[in-house]
């Protein structure tokens, strides 16, 4: 049982430390996820599409959209075919925030890769992806 206690502590500390890298953001990390999707991926995105990509509920995304719109990070572009449907469009303010946050986070990940070495870093990512899929079962 000691092995699982240690695993719990390591996972908890790693998660906490990773999330701390995002502590200086003016928005919540989950809201940043919305901005990452609409600024870094090609195409237009509806709230439903964003919810599917983030694997969260539509009401959660709706809340994020309200906050992001209120803070000036997004605008809504209503569909010409269905006036109830809309796409989420990033503002220049959003694009700047995503770029700055990505630069800061990437510096930390590059440093981690240097310390672990490329091979071990790639293995870590692969193991984390695999573990995530197992935990979802």
C-alpha atoms as a PDB file:
ATOM      1  CA  UNK A   1       0.000   0.000   0.000  1.00  0.00           C
ATOM      2  CA  UNK A   2       2.960   2.343   0.598  1.00  0.00           C
ATOM      3  CA  UNK A   3       3.621   2.344  -3.160  1.00  0.00           C
ATOM      4  CA  UNK A   4       0.151   3.770  -3.862  1.00  0.00           C
ATOM      5  CA  UNK A   5       0.445   6.404  -1.154  1.00  0.00           C
ATOM      6  CA  UNK A   6       3.731   7.545  -2.711  1.00  0.00           C
ATOM      7  CA  UNK A   7       2.143   7.553  -6.197  1.00  0.00           C
ATOM      8  CA  UNK A   8      -0.727   9.668  -4.880  1.00  0.00           C
ATOM      9  CA  UNK A   9       1.670  12.176  -3.325  1.00  0.00           C
ATOM     10  CA  UNK A  10       3.850  12.375  -6.456  1.00  0.00           C
ATOM     11  CA  UNK A  11       0.845  12.825  -8.776  1.00  0.00           C
ATOM     12  CA  UNK A  12      -0.675  15.442  -6.484  1.00  0.00           C
ATOM     13  CA  UNK A  13       2.526  17.437  -6.184  1.00  0.00           C
ATOM     14  CA  UNK A  14       3.239  17.255  -9.918  1.00  0.00           C
ATOM     15  CA  UNK A  15      -0.301  18.403 -10.747  1.00  0.00           C
ATOM     16  CA  UNK A  16      -0.114  21.233  -8.220  1.00  0.00           C
ATOM     17  CA  UNK A  17       3.289  22.387  -9.476  1.00  0.00           C
ATOM     18  CA  UNK A  18       2.188  22.195 -13.108  1.00  0.00           C
ATOM     19  CA  UNK A  19      -0.934  24.242 -12.384  1.00  0.00           C
ATOM     20  CA  UNK A  20       1.207  26.765 -10.479  1.00  0.00           C
ATOM     21  CA  UNK A  21       2.929  27.559 -13.769  1.00  0.00           C
ATOM     22  CA  UNK A  22      -0.397  29.068 -14.825  1.00  0.00           C
ATOM     23  CA  UNK A  23      -1.075  31.012 -11.624  1.00  0.00           C
ATOM     24  CA  UNK A  24      -0.218  34.416 -13.078  1.00  0.00           C
ATOM     25  CA  UNK A  25      -2.884  34.185 -15.758  1.00  0.00           C
ATOM     26  CA  UNK A  26      -5.640  36.830 -15.633  1.00  0.00           C
ATOM     27  CA  UNK A  27      -8.156  34.045 -16.329  1.00  0.00           C
ATOM     28  CA  UNK A  28      -8.682  30.509 -15.051  1.00  0.00           C
ATOM     29  CA  UNK A  29      -6.623  27.737 -16.688  1.00  0.00           C
ATOM     30  CA  UNK A  30      -9.827  26.118 -17.977  1.00  0.00           C
ATOM     31  CA  UNK A  31     -10.788  29.402 -19.664  1.00  0.00           C
ATOM     32  CA  UNK A  32      -7.302  29.485 -21.142  1.00  0.00           C
ATOM     33  CA  UNK A  33      -8.089  26.099 -22.687  1.00  0.00           C
ATOM     34  CA  UNK A  34     -10.893  27.723 -24.669  1.00  0.00           C
ATOM     35  CA  UNK A  35      -8.551  30.459 -25.885  1.00  0.00           C
ATOM     36  CA  UNK A  36      -5.905  27.918 -26.850  1.00  0.00           C
ATOM     37  CA  UNK A  37      -8.392  26.067 -29.036  1.00  0.00           C
ATOM     38  CA  UNK A  38      -9.754  29.099 -30.854  1.00  0.00           C
ATOM     39  CA  UNK A  39      -6.355  30.744 -31.387  1.00  0.00           C
ATOM     40  CA  UNK A  40      -4.091  27.766 -32.113  1.00  0.00           C
ATOM     41  CA  UNK A  41      -6.348  25.559 -34.261  1.00  0.00           C
ATOM     42  CA  UNK A  42      -7.626  26.202 -37.758  1.00  0.00           C
ATOM     43  CA  UNK A  43     -11.295  26.895 -38.335  1.00  0.00           C
ATOM     44  CA  UNK A  44     -14.261  28.282 -36.478  1.00  0.00           C
ATOM     45  CA  UNK A  45     -15.511  26.760 -33.239  1.00  0.00           C
ATOM     46  CA  UNK A  46     -18.941  26.618 -31.645  1.00  0.00           C
ATOM     47  CA  UNK A  47     -19.421  26.112 -27.903  1.00  0.00           C
ATOM     48  CA  UNK A  48     -20.418  22.480 -28.531  1.00  0.00           C
ATOM     49  CA  UNK A  49     -17.234  21.849 -30.520  1.00  0.00           C
ATOM     50  CA  UNK A  50     -15.134  23.386 -27.743  1.00  0.00           C
ATOM     51  CA  UNK A  51     -16.895  21.304 -25.081  1.00  0.00           C
ATOM     52  CA  UNK A  52     -16.186  18.153 -27.084  1.00  0.00           C
ATOM     53  CA  UNK A  53     -12.512  19.030 -27.566  1.00  0.00           C
ATOM     54  CA  UNK A  54     -12.020  19.868 -23.891  1.00  0.00           C
ATOM     55  CA  UNK A  55     -14.146  16.891 -22.798  1.00  0.00           C
ATOM     56  CA  UNK A  56     -16.276  19.072 -20.531  1.00  0.00           C
ATOM     57  CA  UNK A  57     -19.965  19.962 -20.398  1.00  0.00           C
ATOM     58  CA  UNK A  58     -21.581  22.567 -22.622  1.00  0.00           C
ATOM     59  CA  UNK A  59     -22.769  24.581 -19.572  1.00  0.00           C
ATOM     60  CA  UNK A  60     -19.159  24.812 -18.375  1.00  0.00           C
ATOM     61  CA  UNK A  61     -18.054  26.138 -21.765  1.00  0.00           C
ATOM     62  CA  UNK A  62     -21.017  28.544 -21.796  1.00  0.00           C
ATOM     63  CA  UNK A  63     -19.808  29.935 -18.468  1.00  0.00           C
ATOM     64  CA  UNK A  64     -16.249  30.284 -19.792  1.00  0.00           C
ATOM     65  CA  UNK A  65     -17.549  32.069 -22.890  1.00  0.00           C
ATOM     66  CA  UNK A  66     -19.506  34.550 -20.762  1.00  0.00           C
ATOM     67  CA  UNK A  67     -16.450  35.358 -18.656  1.00  0.00           C
ATOM     68  CA  UNK A  68     -14.116  35.595 -21.649  1.00  0.00           C
ATOM     69  CA  UNK A  69     -16.536  37.860 -23.515  1.00  0.00           C
ATOM     70  CA  UNK A  70     -16.985  40.092 -20.465  1.00  0.00           C
ATOM     71  CA  UNK A  71     -13.186  40.417 -20.123  1.00  0.00           C
ATOM     72  CA  UNK A  72     -12.718  41.246 -23.807  1.00  0.00           C
ATOM     73  CA  UNK A  73     -10.969  38.043 -24.896  1.00  0.00           C
ATOM     74  CA  UNK A  74     -13.612  36.828 -27.354  1.00  0.00           C
ATOM     75  CA  UNK A  75     -16.472  37.957 -29.527  1.00  0.00           C
ATOM     76  CA  UNK A  76     -19.349  35.951 -30.944  1.00  0.00           C
ATOM     77  CA  UNK A  77     -19.949  35.575 -34.670  1.00  0.00           C
ATOM     78  CA  UNK A  78     -23.521  34.453 -35.269  1.00  0.00           C
ATOM     79  CA  UNK A  79     -24.210  31.906 -38.000  1.00  0.00           C
ATOM     80  CA  UNK A  80     -25.996  33.206 -41.069  1.00  0.00           C
ATOM     81  CA  UNK A  81     -27.862  29.895 -41.417  1.00  0.00           C
ATOM     82  CA  UNK A  82     -29.003  29.542 -37.800  1.00  0.00           C
ATOM     83  CA  UNK A  83     -29.175  32.791 -35.840  1.00  0.00           C
ATOM     84  CA  UNK A  84     -29.158  30.841 -32.548  1.00  0.00           C
ATOM     85  CA  UNK A  85     -25.772  29.298 -33.343  1.00  0.00           C
ATOM     86  CA  UNK A  86     -22.515  31.217 -33.035  1.00  0.00           C
ATOM     87  CA  UNK A  87     -18.765  30.854 -33.350  1.00  0.00           C
ATOM     88  CA  UNK A  88     -16.243  32.012 -30.783  1.00  0.00           C
ATOM     89  CA  UNK A  89     -13.730  34.492 -32.209  1.00  0.00           C
ATOM     90  CA  UNK A  90     -10.559  35.495 -30.308  1.00  0.00           C
ATOM     91  CA  UNK A  91      -9.736  39.166 -29.952  1.00  0.00           C
ATOM     92  CA  UNK A  92      -6.221  40.575 -30.292  1.00  0.00           C
ATOM     93  CA  UNK A  93      -6.115  40.644 -26.492  1.00  0.00           C
ATOM     94  CA  UNK A  94      -6.720  36.869 -26.443  1.00  0.00           C
ATOM     95  CA  UNK A  95      -4.079  36.197 -29.089  1.00  0.00           C
ATOM     96  CA  UNK A  96      -1.513  38.192 -27.118  1.00  0.00           C
ATOM     97  CA  UNK A  97      -2.331  36.369 -23.866  1.00  0.00           C
ATOM     98  CA  UNK A  98      -2.075  32.942 -25.524  1.00  0.00           C
ATOM     99  CA  UNK A  99       1.276  33.822 -27.080  1.00  0.00           C
ATOM    100  CA  UNK A 100       2.710  35.125 -23.796  1.00  0.00           C
ATOM    101  CA  UNK A 101       1.439  32.152 -21.779  1.00  0.00           C
ATOM    102  CA  UNK A 102       2.678  29.669 -24.365  1.00  0.00           C
ATOM    103  CA  UNK A 103       6.140  31.232 -24.368  1.00  0.00           C
ATOM    104  CA  UNK A 104       6.330  31.080 -20.559  1.00  0.00           C
ATOM    105  CA  UNK A 105       5.047  27.488 -20.327  1.00  0.00           C
ATOM    106  CA  UNK A 106       7.208  26.282 -23.207  1.00  0.00           C
ATOM    107  CA  UNK A 107      10.319  27.657 -21.487  1.00  0.00           C
ATOM    108  CA  UNK A 108       9.506  25.468 -18.483  1.00  0.00           C
ATOM    109  CA  UNK A 109       8.847  22.415 -20.656  1.00  0.00           C
ATOM    110  CA  UNK A 110      12.044  22.984 -22.650  1.00  0.00           C
ATOM    111  CA  UNK A 111      13.951  23.164 -19.371  1.00  0.00           C
ATOM    112  CA  UNK A 112      12.298  19.932 -18.203  1.00  0.00           C
ATOM    113  CA  UNK A 113      13.259  18.250 -21.479  1.00  0.00           C
ATOM    114  CA  UNK A 114      16.876  19.420 -21.097  1.00  0.00           C
ATOM    115  CA  UNK A 115      17.061  17.975 -17.593  1.00  0.00           C
ATOM    116  CA  UNK A 116      15.385  14.668 -18.490  1.00  0.00           C
ATOM    117  CA  UNK A 117      16.835  14.370 -21.969  1.00  0.00           C
ATOM    118  CA  UNK A 118      14.706  14.188 -25.115  1.00  0.00           C
ATOM    119  CA  UNK A 119      14.207  10.430 -24.969  1.00  0.00           C
ATOM    120  CA  UNK A 120      13.008  10.384 -21.340  1.00  0.00           C
ATOM    121  CA  UNK A 121      10.875  13.500 -21.913  1.00  0.00           C
ATOM    122  CA  UNK A 122       9.140  11.821 -24.873  1.00  0.00           C
ATOM    123  CA  UNK A 123       8.674   8.664 -22.784  1.00  0.00           C
ATOM    124  CA  UNK A 124       7.142  10.723 -19.981  1.00  0.00           C
ATOM    125  CA  UNK A 125       4.603  12.257 -22.350  1.00  0.00           C
ATOM    126  CA  UNK A 126       3.767   8.843 -23.800  1.00  0.00           C
ATOM    127  CA  UNK A 127       3.346   7.301 -20.330  1.00  0.00           C
ATOM    128  CA  UNK A 128       1.150  10.188 -19.156  1.00  0.00           C
ATOM    129  CA  UNK A 129      -1.065   9.857 -22.247  1.00  0.00           C
ATOM    130  CA  UNK A 130      -1.380   6.125 -21.684  1.00  0.00           C
ATOM    131  CA  UNK A 131      -2.079   6.546 -17.959  1.00  0.00           C
ATOM    132  CA  UNK A 132      -4.761   9.148 -18.718  1.00  0.00           C
ATOM    133  CA  UNK A 133      -6.552   6.714 -21.009  1.00  0.00           C
ATOM    134  CA  UNK A 134      -6.408   3.988 -18.341  1.00  0.00           C
ATOM    135  CA  UNK A 135      -7.760   6.305 -15.655  1.00  0.00           C
ATOM    136  CA  UNK A 136     -10.697   7.164 -17.926  1.00  0.00           C
ATOM    137  CA  UNK A 137     -11.751   3.484 -18.071  1.00  0.00           C
END
